[in-house]
Structure formats: C-alpha cells, structure tokens
Amino acid sequence: ILAIFICLPNVNATTARALSGIPVLGPVFRVVTFREFSETSGDESVDIKVPSVETDNGAEGAKEVSREVGALAQKVLDEFYQETDRMTDGGKRSLDVDYEVLNLSDKYFTLKVTWTETGADTGTMERYYNLDRKTGKRVELSDLFKDDRYIAVLSDYVKEEMRAQMKADDSVIYFVDTDLPDEDCQEIDPDQDFFFDA
C-alpha cells in the first residue's frame, strides 16, 4: 500500500490533492527533477540531476531543502570546473550528481543526494534531508532529543560499531583507538547527517 502513496501523487496532481486531505498523511511530498545538466567535452563529463521537493501545502521545510540542494549542486559543479581549469595533466574527469527518495514512512520523508567525482582519485559524498510528514518541517538530529546528551551516547555507539567491524574484518579500518589519538574519531557533530530507515 505504501507504493500506492509513493507513486500516485507523482503521477497525477488531482490524486496528490485528494491524498493530502487524508489527515494521517499530512502534506504530500513530491520530488521532481528541477534541473538536469549533462555535458561531455574531451575527457570531461558532467551529469547532474537537481531535485526539487514540493508539497501540496507549500511547506517551508521542502522549500528550504530545495534551495539548499540547488546551491549544493551549483557549488559542486563550480568546484569541479575550477579544479579542471587548474589541472595540467589532461586526465579524465567526471562529476555525477543524483538523488533518490530514501524513505517515505508515515512520519518522515528522506531525500538522499549523492555526488561522485572521478579523476585521479574517486570520491563519493552523500547528504540526507529529512522532513516531518505531518508538519512539513525539516528534521535535524538535535530535534529528536531533549538535550545534548545524545552526542556522547551516539558517539560511543558509533565508536563501538567501528571497533566491532574492525574486529570482524581485518580489511576494515577506522580512525578509532589508533596511535594518533588526536586524529581519532572523537564525537559526532550536533547536527550530524543522518537518515531514517524505512
């Protein structure tokens, strides 16, 4: 049944308006490709899809996410071109920016934006944007807790998970319990990037 609520609003505006009237659902969230840019020139290629999050009630959280994702995509593209201009080796380079709806539960909507830059080395970054389905407001990690004690609790949990993974697999390495304690993982940021599992 969840698939119906995910697909139908994105197919038909009338259906989206009708579903938004169901109190349990709150605002209907739609993700559309706001801007798409693809270019190949010599050894460079760029493929960018910039999403826009829309709601039937114009929720500010959705607008904020859309503005932030658009600015992020432009920043990543500008940095890619600046780095390309500085390069003298003429190596192949590519930039891909894409997105997916990671979670659409009764409570939360999560959008994941991924950008991958390939060149002399490859790097992939992900950013998650969470919205409350009932209020339409953006949800930060700090919003889920009464006070800042969650930072220490979650930090300890993450470090224990790192240790367990390293113990189970010798090829897994994290910066925890090393000979360089200043370089080790200390604690999460108060508004650490996160997402809700479906």
C-alpha atoms as a PDB file:
ATOM      1  CA  ILE A   1       0.000   0.000   0.000  1.00  0.00           C
ATOM      2  CA  LEU A   2       2.963   2.325   0.648  1.00  0.00           C
ATOM      3  CA  ALA A   3       3.895   2.051  -3.041  1.00  0.00           C
ATOM      4  CA  ILE A   4       0.482   3.459  -3.931  1.00  0.00           C
ATOM      5  CA  PHE A   5       1.081   6.531  -1.791  1.00  0.00           C
ATOM      6  CA  ILE A   6       4.541   6.987  -3.285  1.00  0.00           C
ATOM      7  CA  CYS A   7       3.600   6.535  -6.947  1.00  0.00           C
ATOM      8  CA  LEU A   8       0.131   8.036  -7.271  1.00  0.00           C
ATOM      9  CA  PRO A   9       0.968  11.563  -6.042  1.00  0.00           C
ATOM     10  CA  ASN A  10       3.822  11.746  -8.532  1.00  0.00           C
ATOM     11  CA  VAL A  11       1.585  10.657 -11.435  1.00  0.00           C
ATOM     12  CA  ASN A  12      -1.439  12.860 -11.032  1.00  0.00           C
ATOM     13  CA  ALA A  13      -1.895  16.280  -9.414  1.00  0.00           C
ATOM     14  CA  THR A  14      -5.585  15.589  -8.659  1.00  0.00           C
ATOM     15  CA  THR A  15      -4.634  12.399  -6.812  1.00  0.00           C
ATOM     16  CA  ALA A  16      -1.970  14.299  -4.879  1.00  0.00           C
ATOM     17  CA  ARG A  17      -4.527  16.894  -3.773  1.00  0.00           C
ATOM     18  CA  ALA A  18      -7.015  14.179  -2.792  1.00  0.00           C
ATOM     19  CA  LEU A  19      -4.413  12.250  -0.765  1.00  0.00           C
ATOM     20  CA  SER A  20      -3.320  15.423   1.008  1.00  0.00           C
ATOM     21  CA  GLY A  21      -6.795  15.625   2.529  1.00  0.00           C
ATOM     22  CA  ILE A  22      -6.232  12.400   4.463  1.00  0.00           C
ATOM     23  CA  PRO A  23      -5.284  13.626   7.970  1.00  0.00           C
ATOM     24  CA  VAL A  24      -2.839  10.803   8.766  1.00  0.00           C
ATOM     25  CA  LEU A  25      -0.688  11.552   5.742  1.00  0.00           C
ATOM     26  CA  GLY A  26      -0.225  15.300   6.181  1.00  0.00           C
ATOM     27  CA  PRO A  27       1.357  17.098   3.243  1.00  0.00           C
ATOM     28  CA  VAL A  28       2.008  15.042   0.127  1.00  0.00           C
ATOM     29  CA  PHE A  29       5.664  15.187  -0.860  1.00  0.00           C
ATOM     30  CA  ARG A  30       6.738  15.075  -4.493  1.00  0.00           C
ATOM     31  CA  VAL A  31      10.277  15.082  -5.818  1.00  0.00           C
ATOM     32  CA  VAL A  32      10.811  16.300  -9.347  1.00  0.00           C
ATOM     33  CA  THR A  33      13.971  16.890 -11.323  1.00  0.00           C
ATOM     34  CA  PHE A  34      14.163  20.676 -11.195  1.00  0.00           C
ATOM     35  CA  ARG A  35      17.275  20.980 -13.335  1.00  0.00           C
ATOM     36  CA  GLU A  36      19.167  18.457 -15.402  1.00  0.00           C
ATOM     37  CA  PHE A  37      22.522  19.138 -16.993  1.00  0.00           C
ATOM     38  CA  SER A  38      24.678  16.766 -18.985  1.00  0.00           C
ATOM     39  CA  GLU A  39      27.830  17.649 -20.877  1.00  0.00           C
ATOM     40  CA  THR A  40      30.798  15.795 -22.321  1.00  0.00           C
ATOM     41  CA  SER A  41      33.804  17.691 -23.579  1.00  0.00           C
ATOM     42  CA  GLY A  42      37.005  15.843 -24.351  1.00  0.00           C
ATOM     43  CA  ASP A  43      37.960  13.906 -21.231  1.00  0.00           C
ATOM     44  CA  GLU A  44      35.400  15.650 -19.011  1.00  0.00           C
ATOM     45  CA  SER A  45      31.846  14.608 -18.378  1.00  0.00           C
ATOM     46  CA  VAL A  46      29.194  16.100 -16.142  1.00  0.00           C
ATOM     47  CA  ASP A  47      25.796  14.596 -15.383  1.00  0.00           C
ATOM     48  CA  ILE A  48      23.718  16.473 -12.818  1.00  0.00           C
ATOM     49  CA  LYS A  49      20.130  15.992 -11.719  1.00  0.00           C
ATOM     50  CA  VAL A  50      18.956  18.582  -9.213  1.00  0.00           C
ATOM     51  CA  PRO A  51      15.788  17.641  -7.325  1.00  0.00           C
ATOM     52  CA  SER A  52      13.106  19.926  -6.039  1.00  0.00           C
ATOM     53  CA  VAL A  53      10.922  18.825  -3.148  1.00  0.00           C
ATOM     54  CA  GLU A  54       7.363  20.017  -3.446  1.00  0.00           C
ATOM     55  CA  THR A  55       4.357  19.691  -1.199  1.00  0.00           C
ATOM     56  CA  ASP A  56       0.715  20.388  -1.812  1.00  0.00           C
ATOM     57  CA  ASN A  57       0.718  22.939   1.033  1.00  0.00           C
ATOM     58  CA  GLY A  58       3.988  24.754   0.209  1.00  0.00           C
ATOM     59  CA  ALA A  59       5.745  23.580   3.395  1.00  0.00           C
ATOM     60  CA  GLU A  60       8.752  25.753   4.218  1.00  0.00           C
ATOM     61  CA  GLY A  61      10.898  22.710   5.034  1.00  0.00           C
ATOM     62  CA  ALA A  62      10.525  21.435   1.463  1.00  0.00           C
ATOM     63  CA  LYS A  63      11.400  24.864   0.048  1.00  0.00           C
ATOM     64  CA  GLU A  64      14.462  25.066   2.320  1.00  0.00           C
ATOM     65  CA  VAL A  65      15.685  21.634   1.208  1.00  0.00           C
ATOM     66  CA  SER A  66      15.170  22.512  -2.462  1.00  0.00           C
ATOM     67  CA  ARG A  67      17.139  25.766  -2.096  1.00  0.00           C
ATOM     68  CA  GLU A  68      19.952  24.024  -0.217  1.00  0.00           C
ATOM     69  CA  VAL A  69      20.218  21.145  -2.710  1.00  0.00           C
ATOM     70  CA  GLY A  70      20.257  23.597  -5.642  1.00  0.00           C
ATOM     71  CA  ALA A  71      23.023  25.637  -4.013  1.00  0.00           C
ATOM     72  CA  LEU A  72      24.999  22.482  -3.198  1.00  0.00           C
ATOM     73  CA  ALA A  73      24.776  21.219  -6.790  1.00  0.00           C
ATOM     74  CA  GLN A  74      25.959  24.591  -8.119  1.00  0.00           C
ATOM     75  CA  LYS A  75      28.848  24.695  -5.625  1.00  0.00           C
ATOM     76  CA  VAL A  76      29.975  21.164  -6.539  1.00  0.00           C
ATOM     77  CA  LEU A  77      29.779  21.998 -10.260  1.00  0.00           C
ATOM     78  CA  ASP A  78      31.731  25.264  -9.834  1.00  0.00           C
ATOM     79  CA  GLU A  79      34.447  23.493  -7.805  1.00  0.00           C
ATOM     80  CA  PHE A  80      34.665  20.735 -10.427  1.00  0.00           C
ATOM     81  CA  TYR A  81      35.233  23.284 -13.210  1.00  0.00           C
ATOM     82  CA  GLN A  82      37.738  25.271 -11.109  1.00  0.00           C
ATOM     83  CA  GLU A  83      39.730  22.113 -10.387  1.00  0.00           C
ATOM     84  CA  THR A  84      39.567  21.129 -14.064  1.00  0.00           C
ATOM     85  CA  ASP A  85      40.953  24.544 -15.039  1.00  0.00           C
ATOM     86  CA  ARG A  86      43.905  24.052 -12.632  1.00  0.00           C
ATOM     87  CA  MET A  87      44.738  20.587 -13.936  1.00  0.00           C
ATOM     88  CA  THR A  88      47.585  20.293 -16.391  1.00  0.00           C
ATOM     89  CA  ASP A  89      47.786  16.517 -16.849  1.00  0.00           C
ATOM     90  CA  GLY A  90      44.712  16.294 -19.073  1.00  0.00           C
ATOM     91  CA  GLY A  91      43.372  13.234 -17.250  1.00  0.00           C
ATOM     92  CA  LYS A  92      39.791  12.046 -17.482  1.00  0.00           C
ATOM     93  CA  ARG A  93      37.359  13.568 -15.002  1.00  0.00           C
ATOM     94  CA  SER A  94      33.689  13.190 -14.353  1.00  0.00           C
ATOM     95  CA  LEU A  95      31.076  14.534 -11.978  1.00  0.00           C
ATOM     96  CA  ASP A  96      27.740  12.863 -11.306  1.00  0.00           C
ATOM     97  CA  VAL A  97      25.050  14.306  -9.036  1.00  0.00           C
ATOM     98  CA  ASP A  98      21.891  12.301  -8.475  1.00  0.00           C
ATOM     99  CA  TYR A  99      19.180  11.769  -5.874  1.00  0.00           C
ATOM    100  CA  GLU A 100      16.687   9.269  -4.562  1.00  0.00           C
ATOM    101  CA  VAL A 101      13.829   9.189  -2.100  1.00  0.00           C
ATOM    102  CA  LEU A 102      15.265   7.006   0.628  1.00  0.00           C
ATOM    103  CA  ASN A 103      12.316   6.937   2.985  1.00  0.00           C
ATOM    104  CA  LEU A 104       8.641   7.793   2.800  1.00  0.00           C
ATOM    105  CA  SER A 105       7.111   6.492   6.002  1.00  0.00           C
ATOM    106  CA  ASP A 106       4.066   7.738   7.877  1.00  0.00           C
ATOM    107  CA  LYS A 107       6.304  10.033   9.927  1.00  0.00           C
ATOM    108  CA  TYR A 108       9.275  11.030   7.775  1.00  0.00           C
ATOM    109  CA  PHE A 109      10.366  11.794   4.243  1.00  0.00           C
ATOM    110  CA  THR A 110      14.093  11.401   3.480  1.00  0.00           C
ATOM    111  CA  LEU A 111      15.843  12.582   0.328  1.00  0.00           C
ATOM    112  CA  LYS A 112      19.389  11.388  -0.380  1.00  0.00           C
ATOM    113  CA  VAL A 113      21.615  13.427  -2.699  1.00  0.00           C
ATOM    114  CA  THR A 114      24.807  11.772  -3.945  1.00  0.00           C
ATOM    115  CA  TRP A 115      27.668  13.309  -5.851  1.00  0.00           C
ATOM    116  CA  THR A 116      30.580  11.339  -7.243  1.00  0.00           C
ATOM    117  CA  GLU A 117      33.698  12.911  -8.665  1.00  0.00           C
ATOM    118  CA  THR A 118      36.076  10.725 -10.618  1.00  0.00           C
ATOM    119  CA  GLY A 119      39.577  11.730 -11.659  1.00  0.00           C
ATOM    120  CA  ALA A 120      43.000  10.826 -10.347  1.00  0.00           C
ATOM    121  CA  ASP A 121      41.031   9.530  -7.392  1.00  0.00           C
ATOM    122  CA  THR A 122      37.345   8.943  -6.814  1.00  0.00           C
ATOM    123  CA  GLY A 123      35.199  10.344  -4.073  1.00  0.00           C
ATOM    124  CA  THR A 124      31.523   9.926  -3.293  1.00  0.00           C
ATOM    125  CA  MET A 125      29.639  12.134  -0.880  1.00  0.00           C
ATOM    126  CA  GLU A 126      26.098  11.753   0.340  1.00  0.00           C
ATOM    127  CA  ARG A 127      23.812  14.199   2.070  1.00  0.00           C
ATOM    128  CA  TYR A 128      20.462  13.393   3.634  1.00  0.00           C
ATOM    129  CA  TYR A 129      17.487  15.712   4.035  1.00  0.00           C
ATOM    130  CA  ASN A 130      14.719  14.694   6.440  1.00  0.00           C
ATOM    131  CA  LEU A 131      11.260  16.236   6.635  1.00  0.00           C
ATOM    132  CA  ASP A 132       8.463  15.604   9.106  1.00  0.00           C
ATOM    133  CA  ARG A 133       5.496  14.282   7.104  1.00  0.00           C
ATOM    134  CA  LYS A 134       2.887  15.846   9.385  1.00  0.00           C
ATOM    135  CA  THR A 135       4.346  19.334   9.813  1.00  0.00           C
ATOM    136  CA  GLY A 136       6.427  19.647   6.643  1.00  0.00           C
ATOM    137  CA  LYS A 137       9.322  20.955   8.748  1.00  0.00           C
ATOM    138  CA  ARG A 138      12.932  19.934   8.322  1.00  0.00           C
ATOM    139  CA  VAL A 139      14.210  17.466  10.931  1.00  0.00           C
ATOM    140  CA  GLU A 140      17.756  17.801  12.257  1.00  0.00           C
ATOM    141  CA  LEU A 141      19.351  15.253  14.560  1.00  0.00           C
ATOM    142  CA  SER A 142      19.166  17.642  17.527  1.00  0.00           C
ATOM    143  CA  ASP A 143      15.375  17.917  17.035  1.00  0.00           C
ATOM    144  CA  LEU A 144      14.974  14.277  18.069  1.00  0.00           C
ATOM    145  CA  PHE A 145      16.405  14.710  21.580  1.00  0.00           C
ATOM    146  CA  LYS A 146      15.558  16.794  24.666  1.00  0.00           C
ATOM    147  CA  ASP A 147      19.135  17.881  25.356  1.00  0.00           C
ATOM    148  CA  ASP A 148      22.656  17.428  24.024  1.00  0.00           C
ATOM    149  CA  ARG A 149      23.402  14.184  25.920  1.00  0.00           C
ATOM    150  CA  TYR A 150      22.650  12.325  22.675  1.00  0.00           C
ATOM    151  CA  ILE A 151      26.024  13.472  21.285  1.00  0.00           C
ATOM    152  CA  ALA A 152      28.027  11.389  23.771  1.00  0.00           C
ATOM    153  CA  VAL A 153      25.629   8.426  23.649  1.00  0.00           C
ATOM    154  CA  LEU A 154      25.589   8.230  19.845  1.00  0.00           C
ATOM    155  CA  SER A 155      29.337   8.893  19.632  1.00  0.00           C
ATOM    156  CA  ASP A 156      30.070   5.976  21.963  1.00  0.00           C
ATOM    157  CA  TYR A 157      27.698   3.766  19.974  1.00  0.00           C
ATOM    158  CA  VAL A 158      29.351   4.674  16.660  1.00  0.00           C
ATOM    159  CA  LYS A 159      32.845   4.003  18.039  1.00  0.00           C
ATOM    160  CA  GLU A 160      31.739   0.610  19.402  1.00  0.00           C
ATOM    161  CA  GLU A 161      30.319  -0.248  15.972  1.00  0.00           C
ATOM    162  CA  MET A 162      33.635   0.760  14.381  1.00  0.00           C
ATOM    163  CA  ARG A 163      35.559  -1.463  16.785  1.00  0.00           C
ATOM    164  CA  ALA A 164      33.207  -4.392  16.132  1.00  0.00           C
ATOM    165  CA  GLN A 165      33.543  -4.048  12.360  1.00  0.00           C
ATOM    166  CA  MET A 166      37.340  -3.828  12.566  1.00  0.00           C
ATOM    167  CA  LYS A 167      37.443  -6.902  14.814  1.00  0.00           C
ATOM    168  CA  ALA A 168      35.238  -8.875  12.413  1.00  0.00           C
ATOM    169  CA  ASP A 169      37.162  -7.879   9.270  1.00  0.00           C
ATOM    170  CA  ASP A 170      40.889  -7.023   9.186  1.00  0.00           C
ATOM    171  CA  SER A 171      40.445  -5.046   5.958  1.00  0.00           C
ATOM    172  CA  VAL A 172      38.115  -2.542   7.670  1.00  0.00           C
ATOM    173  CA  ILE A 173      39.940   0.425   9.192  1.00  0.00           C
ATOM    174  CA  TYR A 174      38.507   3.384  11.082  1.00  0.00           C
ATOM    175  CA  PHE A 175      40.215   6.184  12.943  1.00  0.00           C
ATOM    176  CA  VAL A 176      39.498   4.914  16.437  1.00  0.00           C
ATOM    177  CA  ASP A 177      41.991   3.628  19.035  1.00  0.00           C
ATOM    178  CA  THR A 178      44.980   4.465  16.820  1.00  0.00           C
ATOM    179  CA  ASP A 179      48.486   5.579  17.796  1.00  0.00           C
ATOM    180  CA  LEU A 180      47.396   9.108  16.863  1.00  0.00           C
ATOM    181  CA  PRO A 181      44.558   9.845  19.318  1.00  0.00           C
ATOM    182  CA  ASP A 182      44.201  13.448  18.084  1.00  0.00           C
ATOM    183  CA  GLU A 183      43.267  12.042  14.672  1.00  0.00           C
ATOM    184  CA  ASP A 184      40.753   9.524  16.054  1.00  0.00           C
ATOM    185  CA  CYS A 185      37.014   9.932  15.814  1.00  0.00           C
ATOM    186  CA  GLN A 186      36.057  11.968  18.872  1.00  0.00           C
ATOM    187  CA  GLU A 187      32.328  12.603  18.630  1.00  0.00           C
ATOM    188  CA  ILE A 188      29.557  13.242  16.150  1.00  0.00           C
ATOM    189  CA  ASP A 189      28.556  16.767  15.197  1.00  0.00           C
ATOM    190  CA  PRO A 190      25.455  18.072  16.991  1.00  0.00           C
ATOM    191  CA  ASP A 191      23.627  18.056  13.649  1.00  0.00           C
ATOM    192  CA  GLN A 192      25.350  15.045  12.141  1.00  0.00           C
ATOM    193  CA  ASP A 193      23.981  13.948   8.776  1.00  0.00           C
ATOM    194  CA  PHE A 194      21.580  11.015   9.252  1.00  0.00           C
ATOM    195  CA  PHE A 195      18.599   9.321   7.688  1.00  0.00           C
ATOM    196  CA  PHE A 196      15.597   7.304   8.786  1.00  0.00           C
ATOM    197  CA  ASP A 197      15.412   3.662   7.745  1.00  0.00           C
ATOM    198  CA  ALA A 198      12.135   2.777   6.084  1.00  0.00           C
END
